[in-house]
Amino acid sequence: MLFGKKKEITPEIYSEDFCQSCSEKTKRRYEEGDYIYGSGLHCKKCMSSNTVVTAIYGEYPEEDTRAKA
């Protein structure tokens, strides 16, 4: 289609948690209510609840995994 509407690609949103006990960084999917320097989930390495959200960002899918139109 010459003048067809392009399909909009939305990024996947991630949060990064930092454990203040063991310094482990964990990337996970963003959850409603996450905010920078808010409390994160329990650390999977040391099971501490002393984690902080240090980053929230989006990543676009890889070029080769996108469906070609």
PDB file of N, CA and C in Angstrom:
ATOM      1  N   MET A   1       0.852  -1.159   0.000  1.00  0.00           N
ATOM      2  CA  MET A   1       0.000   0.000   0.000  1.00  0.00           C
ATOM      3  C   MET A   1       0.905   1.232   0.000  1.00  0.00           C
ATOM      4  N   LEU A   2       0.682   2.114  -0.929  1.00  0.00           N
ATOM      5  CA  LEU A   2       1.559   3.253  -1.107  1.00  0.00           C
ATOM      6  C   LEU A   2       1.432   4.287   0.005  1.00  0.00           C
ATOM      7  N   PHE A   3       0.224   4.651   0.363  1.00  0.00           N
ATOM      8  CA  PHE A   3       0.013   5.667   1.395  1.00  0.00           C
ATOM      9  C   PHE A   3      -0.679   5.084   2.621  1.00  0.00           C
ATOM     10  N   GLY A   4      -0.416   3.846   2.923  1.00  0.00           N
ATOM     11  CA  GLY A   4      -1.038   3.190   4.070  1.00  0.00           C
ATOM     12  C   GLY A   4      -0.505   3.739   5.381  1.00  0.00           C
ATOM     13  N   LYS A   5      -1.282   3.584   6.400  1.00  0.00           N
ATOM     14  CA  LYS A   5      -0.882   4.040   7.729  1.00  0.00           C
ATOM     15  C   LYS A   5       0.167   3.090   8.292  1.00  0.00           C
ATOM     16  N   LYS A   6       1.248   3.659   8.817  1.00  0.00           N
ATOM     17  CA  LYS A   6       2.292   2.831   9.403  1.00  0.00           C
ATOM     18  C   LYS A   6       1.846   2.326  10.767  1.00  0.00           C
ATOM     19  N   LYS A   7       2.225   1.116  11.064  1.00  0.00           N
ATOM     20  CA  LYS A   7       1.903   0.529  12.355  1.00  0.00           C
ATOM     21  C   LYS A   7       2.843   1.111  13.416  1.00  0.00           C
ATOM     22  N   GLU A   8       2.277   1.643  14.480  1.00  0.00           N
ATOM     23  CA  GLU A   8       3.080   2.236  15.544  1.00  0.00           C
ATOM     24  C   GLU A   8       3.635   1.140  16.438  1.00  0.00           C
ATOM     25  N   ILE A   9       4.922   1.224  16.714  1.00  0.00           N
ATOM     26  CA  ILE A   9       5.590   0.236  17.549  1.00  0.00           C
ATOM     27  C   ILE A   9       5.801   0.855  18.923  1.00  0.00           C
ATOM     28  N   THR A  10       5.297   0.187  19.952  1.00  0.00           N
ATOM     29  CA  THR A  10       5.437   0.704  21.309  1.00  0.00           C
ATOM     30  C   THR A  10       6.557  -0.031  22.030  1.00  0.00           C
ATOM     31  N   PRO A  11       7.312   0.687  22.845  1.00  0.00           N
ATOM     32  CA  PRO A  11       8.411   0.046  23.568  1.00  0.00           C
ATOM     33  C   PRO A  11       7.912  -0.745  24.769  1.00  0.00           C
ATOM     34  N   GLU A  12       8.710  -1.709  25.199  1.00  0.00           N
ATOM     35  CA  GLU A  12       8.467  -2.421  26.452  1.00  0.00           C
ATOM     36  C   GLU A  12       9.057  -1.561  27.563  1.00  0.00           C
ATOM     37  N   ILE A  13       8.324  -1.356  28.646  1.00  0.00           N
ATOM     38  CA  ILE A  13       8.774  -0.505  29.735  1.00  0.00           C
ATOM     39  C   ILE A  13       9.330  -1.385  30.857  1.00  0.00           C
ATOM     40  N   TYR A  14      10.516  -1.036  31.356  1.00  0.00           N
ATOM     41  CA  TYR A  14      11.191  -1.792  32.400  1.00  0.00           C
ATOM     42  C   TYR A  14      11.542  -0.900  33.586  1.00  0.00           C
ATOM     43  N   SER A  15      11.629  -1.507  34.751  1.00  0.00           N
ATOM     44  CA  SER A  15      12.129  -0.859  35.963  1.00  0.00           C
ATOM     45  C   SER A  15      13.393  -1.602  36.380  1.00  0.00           C
ATOM     46  N   GLU A  16      14.337  -0.865  36.937  1.00  0.00           N
ATOM     47  CA  GLU A  16      15.565  -1.483  37.432  1.00  0.00           C
ATOM     48  C   GLU A  16      15.634  -1.282  38.935  1.00  0.00           C
ATOM     49  N   ASP A  17      15.722  -2.398  39.671  1.00  0.00           N
ATOM     50  CA  ASP A  17      15.813  -2.361  41.129  1.00  0.00           C
ATOM     51  C   ASP A  17      17.272  -2.531  41.547  1.00  0.00           C
ATOM     52  N   PHE A  18      17.663  -1.826  42.596  1.00  0.00           N
ATOM     53  CA  PHE A  18      19.004  -1.936  43.160  1.00  0.00           C
ATOM     54  C   PHE A  18      18.871  -2.326  44.622  1.00  0.00           C
ATOM     55  N   CYS A  19      19.507  -3.445  45.004  1.00  0.00           N
ATOM     56  CA  CYS A  19      19.482  -3.906  46.392  1.00  0.00           C
ATOM     57  C   CYS A  19      20.571  -3.171  47.167  1.00  0.00           C
ATOM     58  N   GLN A  20      20.180  -2.498  48.234  1.00  0.00           N
ATOM     59  CA  GLN A  20      21.147  -1.752  49.040  1.00  0.00           C
ATOM     60  C   GLN A  20      21.919  -2.664  49.995  1.00  0.00           C
ATOM     61  N   SER A  21      21.503  -3.916  50.116  1.00  0.00           N
ATOM     62  CA  SER A  21      22.212  -4.857  50.987  1.00  0.00           C
ATOM     63  C   SER A  21      23.343  -5.573  50.259  1.00  0.00           C
ATOM     64  N   CYS A  22      23.070  -6.079  49.048  1.00  0.00           N
ATOM     65  CA  CYS A  22      24.080  -6.867  48.331  1.00  0.00           C
ATOM     66  C   CYS A  22      24.519  -6.237  47.008  1.00  0.00           C
ATOM     67  N   SER A  23      23.984  -5.077  46.656  1.00  0.00           N
ATOM     68  CA  SER A  23      24.331  -4.329  45.432  1.00  0.00           C
ATOM     69  C   SER A  23      23.920  -5.031  44.141  1.00  0.00           C
ATOM     70  N   GLU A  24      22.953  -5.912  44.207  1.00  0.00           N
ATOM     71  CA  GLU A  24      22.451  -6.616  43.024  1.00  0.00           C
ATOM     72  C   GLU A  24      21.494  -5.699  42.257  1.00  0.00           C
ATOM     73  N   LYS A  25      21.645  -5.652  40.912  1.00  0.00           N
ATOM     74  CA  LYS A  25      20.717  -4.910  40.058  1.00  0.00           C
ATOM     75  C   LYS A  25      19.818  -5.907  39.347  1.00  0.00           C
ATOM     76  N   THR A  26      18.522  -5.619  39.312  1.00  0.00           N
ATOM     77  CA  THR A  26      17.558  -6.514  38.685  1.00  0.00           C
ATOM     78  C   THR A  26      16.673  -5.721  37.731  1.00  0.00           C
ATOM     79  N   LYS A  27      16.573  -6.198  36.490  1.00  0.00           N
ATOM     80  CA  LYS A  27      15.694  -5.601  35.496  1.00  0.00           C
ATOM     81  C   LYS A  27      14.391  -6.381  35.488  1.00  0.00           C
ATOM     82  N   ARG A  28      13.264  -5.663  35.520  1.00  0.00           N
ATOM     83  CA  ARG A  28      11.953  -6.324  35.505  1.00  0.00           C
ATOM     84  C   ARG A  28      10.976  -5.455  34.735  1.00  0.00           C
ATOM     85  N   ARG A  29       9.827  -6.020  34.392  1.00  0.00           N
ATOM     86  CA  ARG A  29       8.789  -5.246  33.723  1.00  0.00           C
ATOM     87  C   ARG A  29       8.234  -4.192  34.663  1.00  0.00           C
ATOM     88  N   TYR A  30       7.945  -3.040  34.104  1.00  0.00           N
ATOM     89  CA  TYR A  30       7.367  -1.938  34.858  1.00  0.00           C
ATOM     90  C   TYR A  30       6.012  -2.338  35.423  1.00  0.00           C
ATOM     91  N   GLU A  31       5.750  -1.945  36.647  1.00  0.00           N
ATOM     92  CA  GLU A  31       4.448  -2.154  37.275  1.00  0.00           C
ATOM     93  C   GLU A  31       3.852  -0.803  37.623  1.00  0.00           C
ATOM     94  N   GLU A  32       2.557  -0.678  37.485  1.00  0.00           N
ATOM     95  CA  GLU A  32       1.854   0.560  37.831  1.00  0.00           C
ATOM     96  C   GLU A  32       2.214   0.959  39.258  1.00  0.00           C
ATOM     97  N   GLY A  33       2.628   2.207  39.446  1.00  0.00           N
ATOM     98  CA  GLY A  33       3.000   2.689  40.765  1.00  0.00           C
ATOM     99  C   GLY A  33       4.500   2.751  40.997  1.00  0.00           C
ATOM    100  N   ASP A  34       5.309   2.183  40.067  1.00  0.00           N
ATOM    101  CA  ASP A  34       6.760   2.294  40.191  1.00  0.00           C
ATOM    102  C   ASP A  34       7.174   3.748  39.981  1.00  0.00           C
ATOM    103  N   TYR A  35       8.140   4.198  40.746  1.00  0.00           N
ATOM    104  CA  TYR A  35       8.719   5.523  40.545  1.00  0.00           C
ATOM    105  C   TYR A  35      10.163   5.506  41.029  1.00  0.00           C
ATOM    106  N   ILE A  36      10.965   6.427  40.489  1.00  0.00           N
ATOM    107  CA  ILE A  36      12.385   6.496  40.816  1.00  0.00           C
ATOM    108  C   ILE A  36      12.563   6.755  42.309  1.00  0.00           C
ATOM    109  N   TYR A  37      13.443   6.020  42.926  1.00  0.00           N
ATOM    110  CA  TYR A  37      13.760   6.046  44.353  1.00  0.00           C
ATOM    111  C   TYR A  37      12.611   5.556  45.233  1.00  0.00           C
ATOM    112  N   GLY A  38      11.623   4.927  44.620  1.00  0.00           N
ATOM    113  CA  GLY A  38      10.581   4.262  45.400  1.00  0.00           C
ATOM    114  C   GLY A  38      11.067   2.882  45.798  1.00  0.00           C
ATOM    115  N   SER A  39      10.415   2.263  46.744  1.00  0.00           N
ATOM    116  CA  SER A  39      10.834   0.920  47.162  1.00  0.00           C
ATOM    117  C   SER A  39      10.506  -0.088  46.073  1.00  0.00           C
ATOM    118  N   GLY A  40      11.440  -1.014  45.860  1.00  0.00           N
ATOM    119  CA  GLY A  40      11.284  -2.036  44.826  1.00  0.00           C
ATOM    120  C   GLY A  40      10.796  -3.345  45.415  1.00  0.00           C
ATOM    121  N   LEU A  41      10.966  -4.409  44.639  1.00  0.00           N
ATOM    122  CA  LEU A  41      10.570  -5.745  45.078  1.00  0.00           C
ATOM    123  C   LEU A  41      11.662  -6.354  45.948  1.00  0.00           C
ATOM    124  N   HIS A  42      11.387  -7.511  46.536  1.00  0.00           N
ATOM    125  CA  HIS A  42      12.402  -8.221  47.324  1.00  0.00           C
ATOM    126  C   HIS A  42      13.546  -8.655  46.408  1.00  0.00           C
ATOM    127  N   CYS A  43      14.752  -8.579  46.920  1.00  0.00           N
ATOM    128  CA  CYS A  43      15.933  -9.009  46.174  1.00  0.00           C
ATOM    129  C   CYS A  43      15.895 -10.529  46.014  1.00  0.00           C
ATOM    130  N   LYS A  44      16.123 -10.998  44.784  1.00  0.00           N
ATOM    131  CA  LYS A  44      16.118 -12.437  44.532  1.00  0.00           C
ATOM    132  C   LYS A  44      17.399 -13.107  45.006  1.00  0.00           C
ATOM    133  N   LYS A  45      18.474 -12.327  45.160  1.00  0.00           N
ATOM    134  CA  LYS A  45      19.752 -12.901  45.565  1.00  0.00           C
ATOM    135  C   LYS A  45      19.835 -13.084  47.079  1.00  0.00           C
ATOM    136  N   CYS A  46      19.508 -12.023  47.853  1.00  0.00           N
ATOM    137  CA  CYS A  46      19.670 -12.111  49.313  1.00  0.00           C
ATOM    138  C   CYS A  46      18.336 -12.040  50.066  1.00  0.00           C
ATOM    139  N   MET A  47      17.227 -11.947  49.338  1.00  0.00           N
ATOM    140  CA  MET A  47      15.867 -11.903  49.899  1.00  0.00           C
ATOM    141  C   MET A  47      15.619 -10.687  50.803  1.00  0.00           C
ATOM    142  N   SER A  48      16.424  -9.648  50.650  1.00  0.00           N
ATOM    143  CA  SER A  48      16.243  -8.417  51.416  1.00  0.00           C
ATOM    144  C   SER A  48      15.097  -7.605  50.808  1.00  0.00           C
ATOM    145  N   SER A  49      14.400  -6.865  51.637  1.00  0.00           N
ATOM    146  CA  SER A  49      13.353  -5.976  51.131  1.00  0.00           C
ATOM    147  C   SER A  49      13.887  -4.549  51.018  1.00  0.00           C
ATOM    148  N   ASN A  50      15.196  -4.393  51.090  1.00  0.00           N
ATOM    149  CA  ASN A  50      15.857  -3.097  51.055  1.00  0.00           C
ATOM    150  C   ASN A  50      16.266  -2.759  49.618  1.00  0.00           C
ATOM    151  N   THR A  51      15.320  -2.729  48.674  1.00  0.00           N
ATOM    152  CA  THR A  51      15.609  -2.418  47.282  1.00  0.00           C
ATOM    153  C   THR A  51      14.961  -1.097  46.894  1.00  0.00           C
ATOM    154  N   VAL A  52      15.565  -0.440  45.903  1.00  0.00           N
ATOM    155  CA  VAL A  52      15.114   0.870  45.432  1.00  0.00           C
ATOM    156  C   VAL A  52      15.039   0.832  43.911  1.00  0.00           C
ATOM    157  N   VAL A  53      13.999   1.437  43.329  1.00  0.00           N
ATOM    158  CA  VAL A  53      13.893   1.567  41.888  1.00  0.00           C
ATOM    159  C   VAL A  53      14.852   2.679  41.461  1.00  0.00           C
ATOM    160  N   THR A  54      15.840   2.340  40.633  1.00  0.00           N
ATOM    161  CA  THR A  54      16.841   3.328  40.226  1.00  0.00           C
ATOM    162  C   THR A  54      16.671   3.813  38.798  1.00  0.00           C
ATOM    163  N   ALA A  55      15.878   3.104  37.983  1.00  0.00           N
ATOM    164  CA  ALA A  55      15.684   3.524  36.597  1.00  0.00           C
ATOM    165  C   ALA A  55      14.366   2.970  36.076  1.00  0.00           C
ATOM    166  N   ILE A  56      13.725   3.743  35.209  1.00  0.00           N
ATOM    167  CA  ILE A  56      12.543   3.305  34.469  1.00  0.00           C
ATOM    168  C   ILE A  56      12.791   3.727  33.028  1.00  0.00           C
ATOM    169  N   TYR A  57      12.728   2.770  32.107  1.00  0.00           N
ATOM    170  CA  TYR A  57      13.059   3.072  30.720  1.00  0.00           C
ATOM    171  C   TYR A  57      12.324   2.139  29.775  1.00  0.00           C
ATOM    172  N   GLY A  58      12.300   2.499  28.497  1.00  0.00           N
ATOM    173  CA  GLY A  58      11.662   1.693  27.470  1.00  0.00           C
ATOM    174  C   GLY A  58      12.680   1.152  26.496  1.00  0.00           C
ATOM    175  N   GLU A  59      12.406  -0.033  25.976  1.00  0.00           N
ATOM    176  CA  GLU A  59      13.251  -0.644  24.951  1.00  0.00           C
ATOM    177  C   GLU A  59      12.363  -1.072  23.795  1.00  0.00           C
ATOM    178  N   TYR A  60      12.782  -0.702  22.590  1.00  0.00           N
ATOM    179  CA  TYR A  60      12.055  -1.120  21.399  1.00  0.00           C
ATOM    180  C   TYR A  60      12.491  -2.521  21.008  1.00  0.00           C
ATOM    181  N   PRO A  61      11.589  -3.277  20.378  1.00  0.00           N
ATOM    182  CA  PRO A  61      11.965  -4.630  19.924  1.00  0.00           C
ATOM    183  C   PRO A  61      13.094  -4.543  18.890  1.00  0.00           C
ATOM    184  N   GLU A  62      13.857  -5.599  18.778  1.00  0.00           N
ATOM    185  CA  GLU A  62      14.944  -5.667  17.798  1.00  0.00           C
ATOM    186  C   GLU A  62      14.374  -5.556  16.385  1.00  0.00           C
ATOM    187  N   GLU A  63      15.165  -5.005  15.461  1.00  0.00           N
ATOM    188  CA  GLU A  63      14.721  -4.814  14.081  1.00  0.00           C
ATOM    189  C   GLU A  63      14.309  -6.132  13.414  1.00  0.00           C
ATOM    190  N   ASP A  64      15.095  -7.203  13.625  1.00  0.00           N
ATOM    191  CA  ASP A  64      14.823  -8.460  12.932  1.00  0.00           C
ATOM    192  C   ASP A  64      13.617  -9.208  13.499  1.00  0.00           C
ATOM    193  N   THR A  65      13.147  -8.855  14.717  1.00  0.00           N
ATOM    194  CA  THR A  65      11.983  -9.530  15.273  1.00  0.00           C
ATOM    195  C   THR A  65      10.675  -8.812  14.945  1.00  0.00           C
ATOM    196  N   ARG A  66      10.773  -7.628  14.375  1.00  0.00           N
ATOM    197  CA  ARG A  66       9.566  -6.896  13.980  1.00  0.00           C
ATOM    198  C   ARG A  66       8.949  -7.548  12.746  1.00  0.00           C
ATOM    199  N   ALA A  67       7.641  -7.530  12.688  1.00  0.00           N
ATOM    200  CA  ALA A  67       6.949  -8.068  11.522  1.00  0.00           C
ATOM    201  C   ALA A  67       7.082  -7.094  10.366  1.00  0.00           C
ATOM    202  N   LYS A  68       7.485  -7.596   9.222  1.00  0.00           N
ATOM    203  CA  LYS A  68       7.616  -6.725   8.052  1.00  0.00           C
ATOM    204  C   LYS A  68       6.270  -6.576   7.375  1.00  0.00           C
ATOM    205  N   ALA A  69       5.909  -5.335   7.097  1.00  0.00           N
ATOM    206  CA  ALA A  69       4.605  -5.058   6.477  1.00  0.00           C
ATOM    207  C   ALA A  69       4.753  -4.839   4.999  1.00  0.00           C
TER     208      ALA A  69
END
